[in-house]
Amino acid sequence: MSALYDCNERESRTEGLAAAAGAVRSGRLVVLPTDTVYGIGADAFDTTAVHALLQAKNRGPDMPVGVLVGSWSTVDGLTLGVPPQARALIEAFWPGDLSIVLPHAPSLSWNLGSTRGTVMVRMPLHPVALDLLREVGPMAVSSANVSGRPPASTAEQAREQLGESVAVYLDGGPSGDPVPSTIVDLTGDAPVLLREGAVSAAAVSEVLGMPVQGRDD
């Protein structure tokens, strides 16, 4: 049976984080608050758990899962390399609402879906999420909703959609407006804006010192 913990209370937060960490390590799913919307997460290196995440969302591998990290330095171990443009964006916007797509390290044993040799990484600006990520390491995380339904902005909304497929729900209060992260692809010769979300295209362009184009531009 799934459990929900109120992370706005110290004792419940401590218990919830311990329960969530145990769930992740044992291959189960958790729901956690982030600075955008609530996320459903699993150990990024547990292929079975990531598959269960996709099943809970009723989603196929053609829509791969991104990875949340608890520190800047974690990215170095997940990617083939971190180019200067990525470093600039990380320094400007992390922790925060910017996701970066980079070639992943070929030595890693994981299956996040049809990523075509890439990984989308982000460091969220939320204390509960960061505490969990620093305890368990990189997590595969997607919005906590069934595909085609609105993303959850509260733990209860996530629970209504995902139910017993999730072992632990961490309630960090309402997430606010359900604005997704901005996604920048740095795998090609020039940066590409895959999605404009909480961070504007103008802000990304200013940090990079060049206009960033959309995928269809």
Protein backbone atom coordinates (compact mmCIF):
# COMPACT_ATOMS: atom_id res chain seq x y z
CA MET A 1 0.00 0.00 0.00
CA SER A 2 1.36 3.43 -0.90
CA ALA A 3 2.14 6.02 1.79
CA LEU A 4 1.95 9.81 1.74
CA TYR A 5 4.20 12.00 3.86
CA ASP A 6 3.71 15.70 4.63
CA CYS A 7 7.14 17.20 4.01
CA ASN A 8 6.09 20.53 5.49
CA GLU A 9 6.45 18.98 8.95
CA ARG A 10 9.98 18.12 10.08
CA GLU A 11 9.33 14.67 11.54
CA SER A 12 7.10 13.57 8.67
CA ARG A 13 9.60 14.93 6.15
CA THR A 14 12.44 12.94 7.71
CA GLU A 15 10.32 9.78 7.70
CA GLY A 16 9.15 10.43 4.16
CA LEU A 17 12.61 10.97 2.76
CA ALA A 18 13.84 7.77 4.41
CA ALA A 19 10.87 5.84 3.04
CA ALA A 20 11.33 7.33 -0.44
CA ALA A 21 15.04 6.54 -0.47
CA GLY A 22 14.30 2.95 0.55
CA ALA A 23 11.66 2.66 -2.15
CA VAL A 24 14.00 3.96 -4.86
CA ARG A 25 16.78 1.60 -3.80
CA SER A 26 14.40 -1.36 -3.92
CA GLY A 27 13.23 -0.55 -7.45
CA ARG A 28 9.90 1.06 -6.59
CA LEU A 29 8.41 4.38 -7.69
CA VAL A 30 8.06 7.61 -5.73
CA VAL A 31 6.31 10.93 -6.32
CA LEU A 32 8.25 14.02 -5.34
CA PRO A 33 7.69 17.78 -5.51
CA THR A 34 9.84 19.81 -7.88
CA ASP A 35 10.06 23.49 -8.76
CA THR A 36 7.85 22.93 -11.82
CA VAL A 37 5.22 20.20 -11.29
CA TYR A 38 5.18 17.01 -9.23
CA GLY A 39 7.31 14.21 -10.64
CA ILE A 40 7.17 10.43 -10.62
CA GLY A 41 10.66 9.01 -10.20
CA ALA A 42 12.77 5.88 -10.09
CA ASP A 43 16.43 4.89 -9.90
CA ALA A 44 17.82 6.03 -13.28
CA PHE A 45 19.98 2.89 -13.51
CA ASP A 46 17.21 0.40 -12.70
CA THR A 47 15.77 -0.62 -16.08
CA THR A 48 12.85 -2.50 -14.53
CA ALA A 49 11.90 0.49 -12.37
CA VAL A 50 12.07 2.88 -15.31
CA HIS A 51 9.84 0.51 -17.30
CA ALA A 52 7.38 0.50 -14.39
CA LEU A 53 7.44 4.31 -14.43
CA LEU A 54 6.48 4.35 -18.11
CA GLN A 55 3.74 1.80 -17.46
CA ALA A 56 2.33 3.88 -14.59
CA LYS A 57 2.09 6.84 -16.94
CA ASN A 58 0.69 4.69 -19.77
CA ARG A 59 3.54 5.89 -21.93
CA GLY A 60 5.89 4.15 -24.34
CA PRO A 61 9.69 4.30 -24.73
CA ASP A 62 9.26 6.67 -27.70
CA MET A 63 8.91 9.45 -25.08
CA PRO A 64 12.10 8.97 -23.02
CA VAL A 65 12.44 9.98 -19.39
CA GLY A 66 14.70 12.79 -18.22
CA VAL A 67 17.12 12.58 -15.31
CA LEU A 68 17.19 14.81 -12.23
CA VAL A 69 20.45 15.31 -10.36
CA GLY A 70 21.30 16.71 -6.95
CA SER A 71 24.49 18.57 -7.86
CA TRP A 72 26.26 20.20 -10.80
CA SER A 73 29.15 17.73 -10.70
CA THR A 74 26.89 14.70 -11.20
CA VAL A 75 26.45 15.67 -14.86
CA ASP A 76 30.10 14.93 -15.60
CA GLY A 77 29.58 11.25 -14.83
CA LEU A 78 26.40 10.94 -16.90
CA THR A 79 27.48 12.56 -20.15
CA LEU A 80 30.08 12.14 -22.85
CA GLY A 81 31.29 15.63 -22.03
CA VAL A 82 29.99 18.94 -20.74
CA PRO A 83 30.73 21.65 -23.35
CA PRO A 84 31.26 25.32 -22.40
CA GLN A 85 27.72 26.20 -23.49
CA ALA A 86 26.30 23.65 -21.08
CA ARG A 87 28.54 24.90 -18.27
CA ALA A 88 27.30 28.44 -18.88
CA LEU A 89 23.65 27.38 -18.75
CA ILE A 90 24.23 25.27 -15.62
CA GLU A 91 25.90 28.16 -13.82
CA ALA A 92 23.14 30.55 -14.86
CA PHE A 93 20.04 28.45 -14.24
CA TRP A 94 20.78 25.50 -11.93
CA PRO A 95 19.22 24.60 -9.66
CA GLY A 96 16.17 25.69 -11.63
CA ASP A 97 13.80 25.28 -14.54
CA LEU A 98 16.18 24.46 -17.39
CA SER A 99 16.70 20.97 -18.83
CA ILE A 100 19.75 20.31 -21.01
CA VAL A 101 20.07 17.50 -23.56
CA LEU A 102 23.60 16.11 -23.98
CA PRO A 103 25.19 12.91 -25.35
CA HIS A 104 25.21 10.38 -22.52
CA ALA A 105 28.28 8.46 -21.41
CA PRO A 106 28.38 5.22 -23.46
CA SER A 107 29.63 3.27 -20.45
CA LEU A 108 26.38 3.75 -18.53
CA SER A 109 24.03 0.79 -18.17
CA TRP A 110 20.55 2.26 -18.32
CA ASN A 111 17.47 2.40 -20.53
CA LEU A 112 15.47 5.61 -20.32
CA GLY A 113 13.58 4.99 -23.56
CA SER A 114 14.41 5.90 -27.15
CA THR A 115 17.02 8.53 -26.28
CA ARG A 116 19.25 7.93 -29.35
CA GLY A 117 22.36 8.18 -27.22
CA THR A 118 21.35 11.32 -25.35
CA VAL A 119 20.15 12.23 -21.86
CA MET A 120 18.09 15.19 -20.65
CA VAL A 121 19.35 16.39 -17.29
CA ARG A 122 18.16 18.99 -14.78
CA MET A 123 18.85 20.02 -11.21
CA PRO A 124 15.56 21.12 -9.61
CA LEU A 125 15.21 24.03 -7.21
CA HIS A 126 13.24 22.28 -4.49
CA PRO A 127 14.66 21.28 -1.09
CA VAL A 128 12.74 17.99 -0.83
CA ALA A 129 13.75 16.89 -4.31
CA LEU A 130 17.38 17.86 -3.71
CA ASP A 131 17.51 16.02 -0.38
CA LEU A 132 16.23 12.83 -2.02
CA LEU A 133 18.52 13.12 -5.06
CA ARG A 134 21.57 13.66 -2.85
CA GLU A 135 20.64 10.56 -0.89
CA VAL A 136 19.95 8.15 -3.78
CA GLY A 137 21.75 9.68 -6.79
CA PRO A 138 20.37 10.42 -10.26
CA MET A 139 16.70 9.63 -10.74
CA ALA A 140 14.65 9.11 -13.88
CA VAL A 141 11.76 11.54 -13.39
CA SER A 142 8.73 12.46 -15.47
CA SER A 143 5.66 14.54 -14.65
CA ALA A 144 3.43 12.75 -12.14
CA ASN A 145 0.40 12.16 -14.34
CA VAL A 146 -1.08 9.63 -16.71
CA SER A 147 -0.20 10.58 -20.29
CA GLY A 148 -2.84 12.82 -21.80
CA ARG A 149 -4.05 14.11 -18.43
CA PRO A 150 -2.98 17.39 -16.74
CA PRO A 151 0.31 17.32 -14.78
CA ALA A 152 -0.13 17.19 -11.02
CA SER A 153 0.52 20.35 -9.02
CA THR A 154 -0.16 18.60 -5.67
CA ALA A 155 0.68 15.20 -4.23
CA GLU A 156 -3.02 14.38 -3.97
CA GLN A 157 -3.56 15.10 -7.67
CA ALA A 158 -0.68 12.75 -8.44
CA ARG A 159 -2.14 10.09 -6.17
CA GLU A 160 -5.56 10.33 -7.83
CA GLN A 161 -3.94 9.50 -11.18
CA LEU A 162 -1.17 7.08 -10.24
CA GLY A 163 -2.62 5.34 -7.18
CA GLU A 164 -0.90 2.20 -5.91
CA SER A 165 1.64 2.12 -8.76
CA VAL A 166 3.68 4.51 -6.58
CA ALA A 167 5.10 3.35 -3.25
CA VAL A 168 5.75 6.72 -1.60
CA TYR A 169 4.25 10.17 -2.14
CA LEU A 170 6.19 13.16 -0.79
CA ASP A 171 3.85 16.11 -0.24
CA GLY A 172 5.68 19.43 -0.46
CA GLY A 173 2.56 21.55 -0.88
CA PRO A 174 1.16 23.04 -4.11
CA SER A 175 3.75 23.53 -6.84
CA GLY A 176 2.09 26.68 -8.19
CA ASP A 177 1.38 27.22 -11.86
CA PRO A 178 2.15 24.00 -13.79
CA VAL A 179 4.80 25.51 -16.04
CA PRO A 180 7.26 22.93 -17.45
CA SER A 181 11.00 23.36 -17.65
CA THR A 182 12.63 24.83 -20.72
CA ILE A 183 14.57 22.26 -22.77
CA VAL A 184 17.75 23.11 -24.70
CA ASP A 185 19.41 20.51 -26.94
CA LEU A 186 23.20 20.83 -27.07
CA THR A 187 23.93 17.62 -28.98
CA GLY A 188 24.37 19.29 -32.39
CA ASP A 189 26.49 22.01 -33.92
CA ALA A 190 24.19 24.74 -32.59
CA PRO A 191 21.89 24.90 -29.56
CA VAL A 192 18.24 24.10 -30.26
CA LEU A 193 15.30 25.13 -28.09
CA LEU A 194 13.10 22.04 -27.88
CA ARG A 195 10.58 23.61 -25.49
CA GLU A 196 10.18 27.08 -24.03
CA GLY A 197 8.94 26.84 -20.49
CA ALA A 198 9.77 28.63 -17.26
CA VAL A 199 13.06 30.02 -18.64
CA SER A 200 12.55 32.27 -21.65
CA ALA A 201 14.31 31.82 -24.98
CA ALA A 202 15.65 35.35 -24.57
CA ALA A 203 17.28 34.45 -21.24
CA VAL A 204 18.90 31.36 -22.76
CA SER A 205 20.14 33.37 -25.75
CA GLU A 206 21.63 36.01 -23.46
CA VAL A 207 23.66 33.45 -21.52
CA LEU A 208 24.85 31.71 -24.69
CA GLY A 209 25.68 35.00 -26.39
CA MET A 210 23.78 33.95 -29.51
CA PRO A 211 20.16 33.53 -30.64
CA VAL A 212 18.82 30.06 -29.83
CA GLN A 213 16.59 28.61 -32.51
CA GLY A 214 13.56 26.38 -32.11
CA ARG A 215 13.49 22.88 -33.58
CA ASP A 216 11.31 23.98 -36.51
CA ASP A 217 13.05 27.30 -37.20
